[in-house]
Amino acid sequence: MKTITGADKKDFHMNTFLKWLVLASLTNLVGNSLGTMLALQHNLVGDFGGWLNGQDVLRDFLTTTGTALSAPLPFLLIQLGLTILALRPGRSGRIGVGGLTFVGAFYTVAQLGEPIVLRVWSPSGFDPAQAIVLFVNVASAIAMFVFGIRAWRITRASAHLTG
């Protein structure tokens, strides 16, 4: 049985944090996809902080507003690209990890700023499907942020050692 020490330990942690970051990102993409379907079905327009005033769910999803339960399509495509980049070695991987960390923080704030958060968790407005999607989206966005920071720290440290 081999013990993990020194540089191997850093690589092991990076692989572990990177795997969790990618898993959180993929989970978030699935959650956003389900959120889009629910938003289209129930006409749940985005209304971040009460100032977005989305009007057409499909148009808002296809442009830059998003829905009450999902980020807009262009953001999701960027997230998918960053997820793929994060799996690459070197500078490309660092860009992917840094980008996903930012996306995780941004999505957390964006989703929690939606009025649907309070409505879905109130007794009179509780909807199990919407609540599950909301929970998955917020939890996976937080996980992206946390694992992204951990992966970023190790990536930066190894970049300074090798570069």
N, C-alpha and C. Protein backbone atom coordinates (compact mmCIF):
# COMPACT_ATOMS: atom_id res chain seq x y z
N MET A 1 0.84 -1.19 0.00
CA MET A 1 0.00 0.00 0.00
C MET A 1 0.88 1.24 0.00
N LYS A 2 0.63 2.13 -0.94
CA LYS A 2 1.45 3.32 -1.10
C LYS A 2 0.85 4.47 -0.28
N THR A 3 1.71 5.17 0.46
CA THR A 3 1.25 6.35 1.19
C THR A 3 1.46 7.58 0.32
N ILE A 4 0.61 8.56 0.51
CA ILE A 4 0.67 9.77 -0.30
C ILE A 4 1.39 10.85 0.50
N THR A 5 2.51 11.35 -0.06
CA THR A 5 3.29 12.38 0.63
C THR A 5 3.75 13.43 -0.37
N GLY A 6 4.16 14.58 0.14
CA GLY A 6 4.80 15.63 -0.66
C GLY A 6 4.01 16.06 -1.87
N ALA A 7 4.68 16.08 -3.02
CA ALA A 7 4.08 16.55 -4.27
C ALA A 7 2.90 15.67 -4.67
N ASP A 8 3.02 14.34 -4.40
CA ASP A 8 1.90 13.45 -4.71
C ASP A 8 0.65 13.85 -3.94
N LYS A 9 0.84 14.31 -2.71
CA LYS A 9 -0.30 14.71 -1.89
C LYS A 9 -1.00 15.92 -2.51
N LYS A 10 -0.22 16.90 -3.00
CA LYS A 10 -0.82 18.06 -3.67
C LYS A 10 -1.59 17.64 -4.90
N ASP A 11 -1.00 16.75 -5.71
CA ASP A 11 -1.70 16.26 -6.90
C ASP A 11 -2.97 15.53 -6.52
N PHE A 12 -2.91 14.72 -5.46
CA PHE A 12 -4.08 13.98 -5.01
C PHE A 12 -5.19 14.93 -4.60
N HIS A 13 -4.83 15.96 -3.80
CA HIS A 13 -5.84 16.92 -3.36
C HIS A 13 -6.41 17.70 -4.54
N MET A 14 -5.53 18.08 -5.47
CA MET A 14 -6.02 18.81 -6.64
C MET A 14 -7.00 17.95 -7.41
N ASN A 15 -6.65 16.69 -7.61
CA ASN A 15 -7.55 15.81 -8.33
C ASN A 15 -8.86 15.65 -7.58
N THR A 16 -8.79 15.53 -6.26
CA THR A 16 -10.01 15.39 -5.46
C THR A 16 -10.87 16.64 -5.54
N PHE A 17 -10.28 17.81 -5.30
CA PHE A 17 -11.05 19.05 -5.36
C PHE A 17 -11.54 19.35 -6.77
N LEU A 18 -10.72 19.05 -7.74
CA LEU A 18 -11.12 19.26 -9.13
C LEU A 18 -12.29 18.36 -9.50
N LYS A 19 -12.23 17.10 -9.07
CA LYS A 19 -13.35 16.18 -9.34
C LYS A 19 -14.64 16.69 -8.71
N TRP A 20 -14.55 17.15 -7.47
CA TRP A 20 -15.75 17.66 -6.80
C TRP A 20 -16.25 18.94 -7.46
N LEU A 21 -15.33 19.78 -7.91
CA LEU A 21 -15.71 21.01 -8.61
C LEU A 21 -16.45 20.68 -9.91
N VAL A 22 -15.90 19.77 -10.68
CA VAL A 22 -16.53 19.37 -11.95
C VAL A 22 -17.88 18.71 -11.68
N LEU A 23 -17.95 17.84 -10.66
CA LEU A 23 -19.22 17.20 -10.31
C LEU A 23 -20.26 18.24 -9.90
N ALA A 24 -19.85 19.23 -9.11
CA ALA A 24 -20.77 20.29 -8.68
C ALA A 24 -21.24 21.09 -9.89
N SER A 25 -20.34 21.37 -10.82
CA SER A 25 -20.70 22.12 -12.02
C SER A 25 -21.70 21.34 -12.88
N LEU A 26 -21.44 20.06 -13.08
CA LEU A 26 -22.35 19.23 -13.87
C LEU A 26 -23.72 19.11 -13.19
N THR A 27 -23.72 18.97 -11.87
CA THR A 27 -24.97 18.93 -11.11
C THR A 27 -25.73 20.24 -11.28
N ASN A 28 -24.99 21.35 -11.24
CA ASN A 28 -25.60 22.66 -11.41
C ASN A 28 -26.20 22.81 -12.81
N LEU A 29 -25.50 22.31 -13.82
CA LEU A 29 -26.03 22.37 -15.18
C LEU A 29 -27.33 21.56 -15.32
N VAL A 30 -27.37 20.40 -14.68
CA VAL A 30 -28.60 19.58 -14.70
C VAL A 30 -29.72 20.31 -13.95
N GLY A 31 -29.39 20.87 -12.78
CA GLY A 31 -30.38 21.61 -12.01
C GLY A 31 -30.93 22.80 -12.78
N ASN A 32 -30.06 23.52 -13.46
CA ASN A 32 -30.49 24.66 -14.27
C ASN A 32 -31.36 24.21 -15.44
N SER A 33 -31.03 23.08 -16.03
CA SER A 33 -31.85 22.54 -17.12
C SER A 33 -33.25 22.19 -16.63
N LEU A 34 -33.33 21.52 -15.49
CA LEU A 34 -34.63 21.20 -14.90
C LEU A 34 -35.37 22.48 -14.50
N GLY A 35 -34.62 23.44 -13.97
CA GLY A 35 -35.22 24.72 -13.61
C GLY A 35 -35.80 25.45 -14.81
N THR A 36 -35.11 25.36 -15.94
CA THR A 36 -35.61 25.98 -17.16
C THR A 36 -36.93 25.33 -17.58
N MET A 37 -36.97 24.00 -17.52
CA MET A 37 -38.21 23.31 -17.90
C MET A 37 -39.38 23.70 -16.99
N LEU A 38 -39.12 23.76 -15.69
CA LEU A 38 -40.17 24.17 -14.75
C LEU A 38 -40.58 25.62 -14.98
N ALA A 39 -39.60 26.48 -15.23
CA ALA A 39 -39.90 27.90 -15.45
C ALA A 39 -40.74 28.09 -16.71
N LEU A 40 -40.42 27.36 -17.76
CA LEU A 40 -41.22 27.44 -18.99
C LEU A 40 -42.63 26.91 -18.75
N GLN A 41 -42.72 25.82 -18.01
CA GLN A 41 -44.03 25.21 -17.74
C GLN A 41 -44.92 26.10 -16.88
N HIS A 42 -44.35 26.79 -15.91
CA HIS A 42 -45.13 27.58 -14.95
C HIS A 42 -44.97 29.10 -15.15
N ASN A 43 -44.33 29.51 -16.23
CA ASN A 43 -44.12 30.93 -16.54
C ASN A 43 -43.43 31.67 -15.38
N LEU A 44 -42.30 31.12 -14.94
CA LEU A 44 -41.55 31.69 -13.83
C LEU A 44 -40.43 32.59 -14.36
N VAL A 45 -40.75 33.84 -14.56
CA VAL A 45 -39.77 34.79 -15.09
C VAL A 45 -38.77 35.19 -14.01
N GLY A 46 -37.57 35.56 -14.43
CA GLY A 46 -36.56 36.04 -13.51
C GLY A 46 -36.91 37.44 -13.02
N ASP A 47 -36.65 37.69 -11.74
CA ASP A 47 -36.97 39.00 -11.16
C ASP A 47 -35.98 39.28 -10.02
N PHE A 48 -34.69 39.18 -10.32
CA PHE A 48 -33.66 39.33 -9.30
C PHE A 48 -33.87 40.61 -8.50
N GLY A 49 -34.02 40.46 -7.21
CA GLY A 49 -34.15 41.60 -6.31
C GLY A 49 -35.32 42.51 -6.60
N GLY A 50 -36.22 42.07 -7.48
CA GLY A 50 -37.37 42.90 -7.83
C GLY A 50 -37.08 43.91 -8.92
N TRP A 51 -35.86 43.89 -9.53
CA TRP A 51 -35.57 44.88 -10.56
C TRP A 51 -35.42 44.34 -11.97
N LEU A 52 -35.41 43.06 -12.17
CA LEU A 52 -35.24 42.56 -13.54
C LEU A 52 -36.54 42.59 -14.34
N ASN A 53 -37.64 42.28 -13.69
CA ASN A 53 -38.95 42.31 -14.35
C ASN A 53 -38.96 41.57 -15.69
N GLY A 54 -38.57 40.29 -15.65
CA GLY A 54 -38.63 39.47 -16.85
C GLY A 54 -40.07 39.38 -17.34
N GLN A 55 -40.23 39.25 -18.65
CA GLN A 55 -41.59 39.23 -19.19
C GLN A 55 -41.88 38.00 -20.02
N ASP A 56 -40.91 37.49 -20.74
CA ASP A 56 -41.10 36.33 -21.57
C ASP A 56 -40.06 35.29 -21.16
N VAL A 57 -40.49 34.20 -20.57
CA VAL A 57 -39.56 33.22 -20.00
C VAL A 57 -38.59 32.68 -21.04
N LEU A 58 -39.09 32.29 -22.19
CA LEU A 58 -38.20 31.73 -23.21
C LEU A 58 -37.19 32.76 -23.70
N ARG A 59 -37.64 33.96 -24.00
CA ARG A 59 -36.72 35.02 -24.46
C ARG A 59 -35.70 35.34 -23.37
N ASP A 60 -36.16 35.43 -22.13
CA ASP A 60 -35.24 35.74 -21.02
C ASP A 60 -34.20 34.63 -20.85
N PHE A 61 -34.61 33.38 -21.03
CA PHE A 61 -33.67 32.27 -20.92
C PHE A 61 -32.65 32.30 -22.06
N LEU A 62 -33.10 32.62 -23.25
CA LEU A 62 -32.22 32.61 -24.42
C LEU A 62 -31.29 33.82 -24.46
N THR A 63 -31.61 34.88 -23.74
CA THR A 63 -30.76 36.08 -23.74
C THR A 63 -29.92 36.12 -22.47
N THR A 64 -30.00 37.19 -21.70
CA THR A 64 -29.11 37.31 -20.54
C THR A 64 -29.81 37.48 -19.20
N THR A 65 -31.13 37.32 -19.17
CA THR A 65 -31.85 37.51 -17.92
C THR A 65 -31.99 36.21 -17.14
N GLY A 66 -32.30 35.13 -17.82
CA GLY A 66 -32.54 33.86 -17.15
C GLY A 66 -33.95 33.78 -16.63
N THR A 67 -34.24 32.72 -15.91
CA THR A 67 -35.58 32.52 -15.35
C THR A 67 -35.48 32.54 -13.83
N ALA A 68 -36.61 32.36 -13.17
CA ALA A 68 -36.60 32.33 -11.71
C ALA A 68 -35.84 31.12 -11.17
N LEU A 69 -35.73 30.07 -11.99
CA LEU A 69 -35.07 28.84 -11.54
C LEU A 69 -33.86 28.44 -12.37
N SER A 70 -33.38 29.34 -13.23
CA SER A 70 -32.20 28.97 -14.02
C SER A 70 -31.46 30.19 -14.54
N ALA A 71 -30.20 29.97 -14.77
CA ALA A 71 -29.37 30.99 -15.41
C ALA A 71 -29.71 31.03 -16.90
N PRO A 72 -29.36 32.10 -17.59
CA PRO A 72 -29.63 32.16 -19.03
C PRO A 72 -28.73 31.19 -19.80
N LEU A 73 -29.21 30.79 -20.97
CA LEU A 73 -28.48 29.83 -21.81
C LEU A 73 -27.04 30.26 -22.10
N PRO A 74 -26.77 31.52 -22.47
CA PRO A 74 -25.36 31.88 -22.72
C PRO A 74 -24.45 31.63 -21.51
N PHE A 75 -24.94 31.88 -20.31
CA PHE A 75 -24.15 31.64 -19.10
C PHE A 75 -23.90 30.14 -18.92
N LEU A 76 -24.93 29.33 -19.19
CA LEU A 76 -24.78 27.89 -19.03
C LEU A 76 -23.78 27.33 -20.04
N LEU A 77 -23.76 27.89 -21.25
CA LEU A 77 -22.78 27.45 -22.25
C LEU A 77 -21.37 27.84 -21.83
N ILE A 78 -21.22 29.03 -21.26
CA ILE A 78 -19.91 29.45 -20.74
C ILE A 78 -19.48 28.52 -19.61
N GLN A 79 -20.42 28.19 -18.73
CA GLN A 79 -20.13 27.28 -17.62
C GLN A 79 -19.68 25.92 -18.14
N LEU A 80 -20.35 25.40 -19.16
CA LEU A 80 -19.95 24.12 -19.74
C LEU A 80 -18.53 24.21 -20.31
N GLY A 81 -18.24 25.29 -21.00
CA GLY A 81 -16.88 25.49 -21.53
C GLY A 81 -15.84 25.57 -20.43
N LEU A 82 -16.15 26.27 -19.34
CA LEU A 82 -15.22 26.37 -18.22
C LEU A 82 -15.02 25.01 -17.54
N THR A 83 -16.08 24.21 -17.49
CA THR A 83 -15.98 22.87 -16.91
C THR A 83 -15.01 22.01 -17.72
N ILE A 84 -15.12 22.10 -19.03
CA ILE A 84 -14.21 21.36 -19.91
C ILE A 84 -12.78 21.87 -19.75
N LEU A 85 -12.62 23.20 -19.69
CA LEU A 85 -11.28 23.79 -19.50
C LEU A 85 -10.66 23.36 -18.18
N ALA A 86 -11.47 23.28 -17.12
CA ALA A 86 -10.95 22.93 -15.80
C ALA A 86 -10.28 21.56 -15.80
N LEU A 87 -10.68 20.70 -16.69
CA LEU A 87 -10.11 19.36 -16.76
C LEU A 87 -8.76 19.32 -17.49
N ARG A 88 -8.39 20.41 -18.10
CA ARG A 88 -7.12 20.46 -18.86
C ARG A 88 -5.98 20.87 -17.93
N PRO A 89 -4.78 20.43 -18.24
CA PRO A 89 -3.64 20.82 -17.40
C PRO A 89 -3.18 22.25 -17.72
N GLY A 90 -2.38 22.79 -16.83
CA GLY A 90 -1.74 24.08 -17.08
C GLY A 90 -2.66 25.28 -16.96
N ARG A 91 -2.32 26.29 -17.76
CA ARG A 91 -3.04 27.56 -17.70
C ARG A 91 -4.52 27.41 -18.05
N SER A 92 -4.84 26.59 -19.04
CA SER A 92 -6.24 26.37 -19.41
C SER A 92 -7.04 25.84 -18.23
N GLY A 93 -6.45 24.90 -17.52
CA GLY A 93 -7.11 24.34 -16.34
C GLY A 93 -7.34 25.39 -15.26
N ARG A 94 -6.33 26.25 -15.06
CA ARG A 94 -6.47 27.31 -14.06
C ARG A 94 -7.56 28.29 -14.45
N ILE A 95 -7.66 28.60 -15.73
CA ILE A 95 -8.73 29.49 -16.20
C ILE A 95 -10.08 28.84 -15.94
N GLY A 96 -10.20 27.55 -16.21
CA GLY A 96 -11.45 26.84 -15.96
C GLY A 96 -11.81 26.83 -14.49
N VAL A 97 -10.84 26.53 -13.64
CA VAL A 97 -11.09 26.49 -12.20
C VAL A 97 -11.48 27.87 -11.68
N GLY A 98 -10.73 28.90 -12.08
CA GLY A 98 -11.04 30.27 -11.65
C GLY A 98 -12.41 30.71 -12.14
N GLY A 99 -12.71 30.39 -13.39
CA GLY A 99 -14.02 30.74 -13.95
C GLY A 99 -15.16 30.06 -13.24
N LEU A 100 -15.01 28.77 -12.95
CA LEU A 100 -16.07 28.04 -12.24
C LEU A 100 -16.24 28.55 -10.81
N THR A 101 -15.15 28.97 -10.20
CA THR A 101 -15.24 29.54 -8.85
C THR A 101 -16.07 30.82 -8.88
N PHE A 102 -15.79 31.67 -9.86
CA PHE A 102 -16.55 32.91 -10.02
C PHE A 102 -18.02 32.59 -10.33
N VAL A 103 -18.26 31.66 -11.23
CA VAL A 103 -19.63 31.28 -11.61
C VAL A 103 -20.39 30.77 -10.39
N GLY A 104 -19.73 29.97 -9.56
CA GLY A 104 -20.38 29.47 -8.34
C GLY A 104 -20.81 30.60 -7.42
N ALA A 105 -19.93 31.57 -7.22
CA ALA A 105 -20.28 32.71 -6.36
C ALA A 105 -21.41 33.53 -6.99
N PHE A 106 -21.30 33.78 -8.29
CA PHE A 106 -22.30 34.58 -9.01
C PHE A 106 -23.67 33.90 -8.98
N TYR A 107 -23.70 32.61 -9.28
CA TYR A 107 -24.97 31.87 -9.29
C TYR A 107 -25.60 31.82 -7.90
N THR A 108 -24.78 31.70 -6.86
CA THR A 108 -25.32 31.66 -5.50
C THR A 108 -26.07 32.96 -5.20
N VAL A 109 -25.42 34.08 -5.46
CA VAL A 109 -26.04 35.39 -5.21
C VAL A 109 -27.27 35.57 -6.10
N ALA A 110 -27.13 35.21 -7.37
CA ALA A 110 -28.23 35.39 -8.32
C ALA A 110 -29.46 34.57 -7.93
N GLN A 111 -29.24 33.32 -7.57
CA GLN A 111 -30.40 32.46 -7.24
C GLN A 111 -31.05 32.91 -5.92
N LEU A 112 -30.23 33.26 -4.93
CA LEU A 112 -30.79 33.69 -3.64
C LEU A 112 -31.47 35.05 -3.74
N GLY A 113 -31.16 35.82 -4.79
CA GLY A 113 -31.80 37.12 -4.98
C GLY A 113 -33.15 37.05 -5.68
N GLU A 114 -33.54 35.87 -6.09
CA GLU A 114 -34.83 35.70 -6.75
C GLU A 114 -35.97 35.63 -5.72
N PRO A 115 -37.06 36.35 -5.95
CA PRO A 115 -38.19 36.31 -5.02
C PRO A 115 -38.80 34.91 -4.84
N ILE A 116 -38.58 34.04 -5.82
CA ILE A 116 -39.14 32.68 -5.72
C ILE A 116 -38.58 31.93 -4.52
N VAL A 117 -37.39 32.31 -4.06
CA VAL A 117 -36.77 31.63 -2.91
C VAL A 117 -37.69 31.72 -1.70
N LEU A 118 -38.18 32.90 -1.40
CA LEU A 118 -39.07 33.07 -0.24
C LEU A 118 -40.42 32.42 -0.49
N ARG A 119 -40.91 32.55 -1.72
CA ARG A 119 -42.23 32.00 -2.03
C ARG A 119 -42.23 30.47 -1.94
N VAL A 120 -41.22 29.84 -2.53
CA VAL A 120 -41.18 28.38 -2.56
C VAL A 120 -41.06 27.78 -1.16
N TRP A 121 -40.36 28.46 -0.28
CA TRP A 121 -40.17 27.92 1.06
C TRP A 121 -41.22 28.39 2.06
N SER A 122 -42.23 29.15 1.59
CA SER A 122 -43.32 29.53 2.49
C SER A 122 -44.39 28.45 2.44
N PRO A 123 -45.14 28.25 3.54
CA PRO A 123 -46.16 27.20 3.56
C PRO A 123 -47.22 27.36 2.46
N SER A 124 -47.60 28.59 2.15
CA SER A 124 -48.66 28.80 1.15
C SER A 124 -48.17 28.64 -0.28
N GLY A 125 -46.87 28.79 -0.51
CA GLY A 125 -46.37 28.73 -1.88
C GLY A 125 -45.45 27.55 -2.15
N PHE A 126 -45.41 26.59 -1.23
CA PHE A 126 -44.48 25.47 -1.37
C PHE A 126 -44.84 24.61 -2.58
N ASP A 127 -43.84 24.36 -3.40
CA ASP A 127 -43.97 23.46 -4.54
C ASP A 127 -42.78 22.53 -4.48
N PRO A 128 -43.01 21.22 -4.28
CA PRO A 128 -41.88 20.30 -4.09
C PRO A 128 -40.87 20.29 -5.24
N ALA A 129 -41.33 20.27 -6.48
CA ALA A 129 -40.40 20.23 -7.62
C ALA A 129 -39.56 21.50 -7.68
N GLN A 130 -40.19 22.65 -7.52
CA GLN A 130 -39.46 23.91 -7.55
C GLN A 130 -38.49 24.00 -6.37
N ALA A 131 -38.92 23.52 -5.20
CA ALA A 131 -38.06 23.56 -4.02
C ALA A 131 -36.82 22.68 -4.21
N ILE A 132 -36.99 21.51 -4.79
CA ILE A 132 -35.86 20.61 -5.02
C ILE A 132 -34.88 21.23 -6.01
N VAL A 133 -35.40 21.77 -7.11
CA VAL A 133 -34.53 22.41 -8.11
C VAL A 133 -33.80 23.59 -7.49
N LEU A 134 -34.51 24.40 -6.74
CA LEU A 134 -33.90 25.55 -6.08
C LEU A 134 -32.79 25.10 -5.14
N PHE A 135 -33.05 24.07 -4.34
CA PHE A 135 -32.05 23.55 -3.42
C PHE A 135 -30.83 23.02 -4.17
N VAL A 136 -31.05 22.24 -5.22
CA VAL A 136 -29.94 21.69 -6.00
C VAL A 136 -29.12 22.81 -6.62
N ASN A 137 -29.79 23.81 -7.18
CA ASN A 137 -29.07 24.92 -7.81
C ASN A 137 -28.22 25.70 -6.82
N VAL A 138 -28.79 26.02 -5.67
CA VAL A 138 -28.04 26.80 -4.67
C VAL A 138 -26.92 25.96 -4.06
N ALA A 139 -27.23 24.71 -3.69
CA ALA A 139 -26.21 23.85 -3.07
C ALA A 139 -25.05 23.59 -4.03
N SER A 140 -25.36 23.33 -5.29
CA SER A 140 -24.28 23.05 -6.25
C SER A 140 -23.48 24.31 -6.56
N ALA A 141 -24.12 25.47 -6.56
CA ALA A 141 -23.39 26.72 -6.79
C ALA A 141 -22.45 27.01 -5.62
N ILE A 142 -22.91 26.79 -4.40
CA ILE A 142 -22.05 26.96 -3.23
C ILE A 142 -20.89 25.97 -3.29
N ALA A 143 -21.18 24.72 -3.67
CA ALA A 143 -20.13 23.70 -3.79
C ALA A 143 -19.11 24.10 -4.84
N MET A 144 -19.57 24.66 -5.96
CA MET A 144 -18.64 25.12 -7.00
C MET A 144 -17.70 26.18 -6.43
N PHE A 145 -18.25 27.10 -5.67
CA PHE A 145 -17.45 28.17 -5.08
C PHE A 145 -16.43 27.61 -4.09
N VAL A 146 -16.88 26.75 -3.18
CA VAL A 146 -15.99 26.22 -2.15
C VAL A 146 -14.91 25.32 -2.75
N PHE A 147 -15.30 24.36 -3.58
CA PHE A 147 -14.30 23.47 -4.18
C PHE A 147 -13.43 24.21 -5.17
N GLY A 148 -13.98 25.23 -5.81
CA GLY A 148 -13.18 26.05 -6.71
C GLY A 148 -12.06 26.77 -5.98
N ILE A 149 -12.38 27.32 -4.82
CA ILE A 149 -11.34 28.00 -4.02
C ILE A 149 -10.26 27.01 -3.62
N ARG A 150 -10.66 25.84 -3.17
CA ARG A 150 -9.68 24.83 -2.74
C ARG A 150 -8.80 24.40 -3.92
N ALA A 151 -9.44 24.13 -5.05
CA ALA A 151 -8.68 23.70 -6.24
C ALA A 151 -7.78 24.84 -6.73
N TRP A 152 -8.29 26.07 -6.67
CA TRP A 152 -7.52 27.24 -7.13
C TRP A 152 -6.25 27.41 -6.29
N ARG A 153 -6.38 27.28 -4.98
CA ARG A 153 -5.22 27.45 -4.09
C ARG A 153 -4.13 26.44 -4.43
N ILE A 154 -4.52 25.20 -4.65
CA ILE A 154 -3.54 24.17 -4.96
C ILE A 154 -2.95 24.40 -6.35
N THR A 155 -3.79 24.82 -7.29
CA THR A 155 -3.30 25.06 -8.66
C THR A 155 -2.30 26.21 -8.66
N ARG A 156 -2.62 27.27 -7.94
CA ARG A 156 -1.71 28.42 -7.88
C ARG A 156 -0.40 28.03 -7.21
N ALA A 157 -0.47 27.25 -6.14
CA ALA A 157 0.74 26.85 -5.44
C ALA A 157 1.61 25.96 -6.33
N SER A 158 1.00 25.03 -7.06
CA SER A 158 1.79 24.17 -7.93
C SER A 158 2.32 24.94 -9.14
N ALA A 159 1.61 25.97 -9.59
CA ALA A 159 2.08 26.78 -10.71
C ALA A 159 3.33 27.57 -10.30
N HIS A 160 3.36 28.04 -9.05
CA HIS A 160 4.53 28.78 -8.57
C HIS A 160 5.73 27.84 -8.39
N LEU A 161 5.46 26.60 -8.00
CA LEU A 161 6.55 25.63 -7.81
C LEU A 161 7.14 25.19 -9.14
N THR A 162 6.28 25.01 -10.16
CA THR A 162 6.77 24.50 -11.45
C THR A 162 7.13 25.60 -12.41
N GLY A 163 6.52 26.80 -12.24
CA GLY A 163 6.75 27.85 -13.22
C GLY A 163 7.74 28.82 -12.75
